[in-house]
């Protein structure tokens, strides 16, 4: 997803952190409504990692899982709030924070 790649690239300026997007098998096509929700989930997670978790590094990944997606946002911060309200039946979202 180009939007997540761009978000990761711009996160350094927006949140003063190092952020990257990785995907071994990027989805070929993601429905617009789903892509929008995924974007906002990631945006909120990255902002929370920076603001509340004091993270210096964030890694975003998105992989297709059958008719769903696996979205992962990992950071090296102290912990943060998870934007779970945006998840739906089409996505599994995991947030992990490594002790830093």
C-alpha atoms as a PDB file:
ATOM      1  CA  UNK A   1       0.000   0.000   0.000  1.00  0.00           C
ATOM      2  CA  UNK A   2       1.542   3.207  -1.207  1.00  0.00           C
ATOM      3  CA  UNK A   3      -0.234   5.280   1.447  1.00  0.00           C
ATOM      4  CA  UNK A   4       1.363   3.298   4.291  1.00  0.00           C
ATOM      5  CA  UNK A   5       4.776   3.565   2.633  1.00  0.00           C
ATOM      6  CA  UNK A   6       4.335   7.344   2.400  1.00  0.00           C
ATOM      7  CA  UNK A   7       3.070   7.567   5.981  1.00  0.00           C
ATOM      8  CA  UNK A   8       6.169   5.699   7.186  1.00  0.00           C
ATOM      9  CA  UNK A   9       8.423   7.947   5.115  1.00  0.00           C
ATOM     10  CA  UNK A  10       6.769  11.117   6.486  1.00  0.00           C
ATOM     11  CA  UNK A  11       6.582   9.925  10.106  1.00  0.00           C
ATOM     12  CA  UNK A  12      10.121  11.095  10.815  1.00  0.00           C
ATOM     13  CA  UNK A  13       9.056  14.690  10.261  1.00  0.00           C
ATOM     14  CA  UNK A  14       5.557  14.371  11.716  1.00  0.00           C
ATOM     15  CA  UNK A  15       6.505  12.502  14.896  1.00  0.00           C
ATOM     16  CA  UNK A  16      10.310  12.828  15.143  1.00  0.00           C
ATOM     17  CA  UNK A  17      10.844   9.038  14.961  1.00  0.00           C
ATOM     18  CA  UNK A  18      12.317   6.518  12.513  1.00  0.00           C
ATOM     19  CA  UNK A  19       9.445   4.656  10.860  1.00  0.00           C
ATOM     20  CA  UNK A  20       9.420   2.074   8.085  1.00  0.00           C
ATOM     21  CA  UNK A  21       6.867  -0.020   6.219  1.00  0.00           C
ATOM     22  CA  UNK A  22       7.706  -3.638   5.383  1.00  0.00           C
ATOM     23  CA  UNK A  23       5.633  -6.244   3.609  1.00  0.00           C
ATOM     24  CA  UNK A  24       6.875  -9.576   2.286  1.00  0.00           C
ATOM     25  CA  UNK A  25       3.640 -10.120   0.361  1.00  0.00           C
ATOM     26  CA  UNK A  26       1.932  -6.742  -0.041  1.00  0.00           C
ATOM     27  CA  UNK A  27      -1.754  -6.908  -0.941  1.00  0.00           C
ATOM     28  CA  UNK A  28      -2.265  -6.286  -4.641  1.00  0.00           C
ATOM     29  CA  UNK A  29      -5.580  -4.462  -4.213  1.00  0.00           C
ATOM     30  CA  UNK A  30      -7.239  -3.173  -1.045  1.00  0.00           C
ATOM     31  CA  UNK A  31     -10.791  -1.832  -1.126  1.00  0.00           C
ATOM     32  CA  UNK A  32     -10.816   1.959  -0.615  1.00  0.00           C
ATOM     33  CA  UNK A  33     -12.855   1.919   2.592  1.00  0.00           C
ATOM     34  CA  UNK A  34     -10.599  -0.727   4.128  1.00  0.00           C
ATOM     35  CA  UNK A  35      -7.446   1.103   3.003  1.00  0.00           C
ATOM     36  CA  UNK A  36      -8.722   4.300   4.637  1.00  0.00           C
ATOM     37  CA  UNK A  37      -9.376   2.536   7.946  1.00  0.00           C
ATOM     38  CA  UNK A  38      -5.960   0.848   7.838  1.00  0.00           C
ATOM     39  CA  UNK A  39      -4.308   4.215   7.191  1.00  0.00           C
ATOM     40  CA  UNK A  40      -6.009   5.871  10.161  1.00  0.00           C
ATOM     41  CA  UNK A  41      -5.270   2.916  12.451  1.00  0.00           C
ATOM     42  CA  UNK A  42      -1.580   3.157  11.557  1.00  0.00           C
ATOM     43  CA  UNK A  43      -1.525   6.948  11.837  1.00  0.00           C
ATOM     44  CA  UNK A  44      -3.018   6.778  15.322  1.00  0.00           C
ATOM     45  CA  UNK A  45      -0.718   3.931  16.374  1.00  0.00           C
ATOM     46  CA  UNK A  46       2.397   5.779  15.182  1.00  0.00           C
ATOM     47  CA  UNK A  47       1.272   8.983  16.888  1.00  0.00           C
ATOM     48  CA  UNK A  48       0.596   7.058  20.122  1.00  0.00           C
ATOM     49  CA  UNK A  49       3.967   5.301  19.900  1.00  0.00           C
ATOM     50  CA  UNK A  50       5.665   8.683  19.660  1.00  0.00           C
ATOM     51  CA  UNK A  51       3.540  10.717  22.059  1.00  0.00           C
ATOM     52  CA  UNK A  52       2.695   8.191  24.776  1.00  0.00           C
ATOM     53  CA  UNK A  53       5.271   5.448  24.225  1.00  0.00           C
ATOM     54  CA  UNK A  54       8.252   7.721  23.566  1.00  0.00           C
ATOM     55  CA  UNK A  55       9.306   5.394  20.748  1.00  0.00           C
ATOM     56  CA  UNK A  56      12.289   6.104  18.571  1.00  0.00           C
ATOM     57  CA  UNK A  57      11.567   3.394  15.996  1.00  0.00           C
ATOM     58  CA  UNK A  58       8.331   2.041  14.523  1.00  0.00           C
ATOM     59  CA  UNK A  59       7.874  -0.805  12.028  1.00  0.00           C
ATOM     60  CA  UNK A  60       4.571  -1.150  10.150  1.00  0.00           C
ATOM     61  CA  UNK A  61       3.686  -4.307   8.250  1.00  0.00           C
ATOM     62  CA  UNK A  62       0.631  -5.422   6.309  1.00  0.00           C
ATOM     63  CA  UNK A  63       0.101  -8.930   4.944  1.00  0.00           C
ATOM     64  CA  UNK A  64      -2.934 -10.554   3.332  1.00  0.00           C
ATOM     65  CA  UNK A  65      -4.453 -13.443   5.307  1.00  0.00           C
ATOM     66  CA  UNK A  66      -7.107 -15.044   3.119  1.00  0.00           C
ATOM     67  CA  UNK A  67      -9.958 -12.547   2.889  1.00  0.00           C
ATOM     68  CA  UNK A  68      -8.488 -10.459   5.744  1.00  0.00           C
ATOM     69  CA  UNK A  69      -5.313  -8.528   6.496  1.00  0.00           C
ATOM     70  CA  UNK A  70      -2.739  -8.770   9.239  1.00  0.00           C
ATOM     71  CA  UNK A  71      -1.631  -5.288  10.264  1.00  0.00           C
ATOM     72  CA  UNK A  72       1.254  -5.009  12.698  1.00  0.00           C
ATOM     73  CA  UNK A  73       2.647  -1.862  14.283  1.00  0.00           C
ATOM     74  CA  UNK A  74       5.747  -2.513  16.398  1.00  0.00           C
ATOM     75  CA  UNK A  75       7.772   0.051  18.309  1.00  0.00           C
ATOM     76  CA  UNK A  76      10.606   0.309  20.812  1.00  0.00           C
ATOM     77  CA  UNK A  77       8.724   2.581  23.214  1.00  0.00           C
ATOM     78  CA  UNK A  78       7.460   2.099  26.750  1.00  0.00           C
ATOM     79  CA  UNK A  79       3.880   1.314  25.739  1.00  0.00           C
ATOM     80  CA  UNK A  80       0.905   3.222  24.382  1.00  0.00           C
ATOM     81  CA  UNK A  81      -2.833   3.240  23.872  1.00  0.00           C
ATOM     82  CA  UNK A  82      -4.235   1.033  21.109  1.00  0.00           C
ATOM     83  CA  UNK A  83      -6.799   2.469  18.657  1.00  0.00           C
ATOM     84  CA  UNK A  84      -8.953  -0.680  18.723  1.00  0.00           C
ATOM     85  CA  UNK A  85     -12.194   1.120  17.913  1.00  0.00           C
ATOM     86  CA  UNK A  86     -11.421   1.146  14.182  1.00  0.00           C
ATOM     87  CA  UNK A  87     -10.897  -2.603  13.747  1.00  0.00           C
ATOM     88  CA  UNK A  88     -13.485  -4.611  11.865  1.00  0.00           C
ATOM     89  CA  UNK A  89     -13.951  -8.222  10.804  1.00  0.00           C
ATOM     90  CA  UNK A  90     -11.609  -7.714   7.851  1.00  0.00           C
ATOM     91  CA  UNK A  91      -8.448  -7.068   9.848  1.00  0.00           C
ATOM     92  CA  UNK A  92      -6.410  -8.436  12.690  1.00  0.00           C
ATOM     93  CA  UNK A  93      -4.368  -5.712  14.323  1.00  0.00           C
ATOM     94  CA  UNK A  94      -1.411  -6.311  16.602  1.00  0.00           C
ATOM     95  CA  UNK A  95       0.482  -3.669  18.540  1.00  0.00           C
ATOM     96  CA  UNK A  96       3.705  -4.625  20.251  1.00  0.00           C
ATOM     97  CA  UNK A  97       6.192  -2.616  22.217  1.00  0.00           C
ATOM     98  CA  UNK A  98       9.660  -3.927  22.881  1.00  0.00           C
ATOM     99  CA  UNK A  99      11.214  -2.764  26.139  1.00  0.00           C
ATOM    100  CA  UNK A 100      13.687  -0.072  25.169  1.00  0.00           C
END
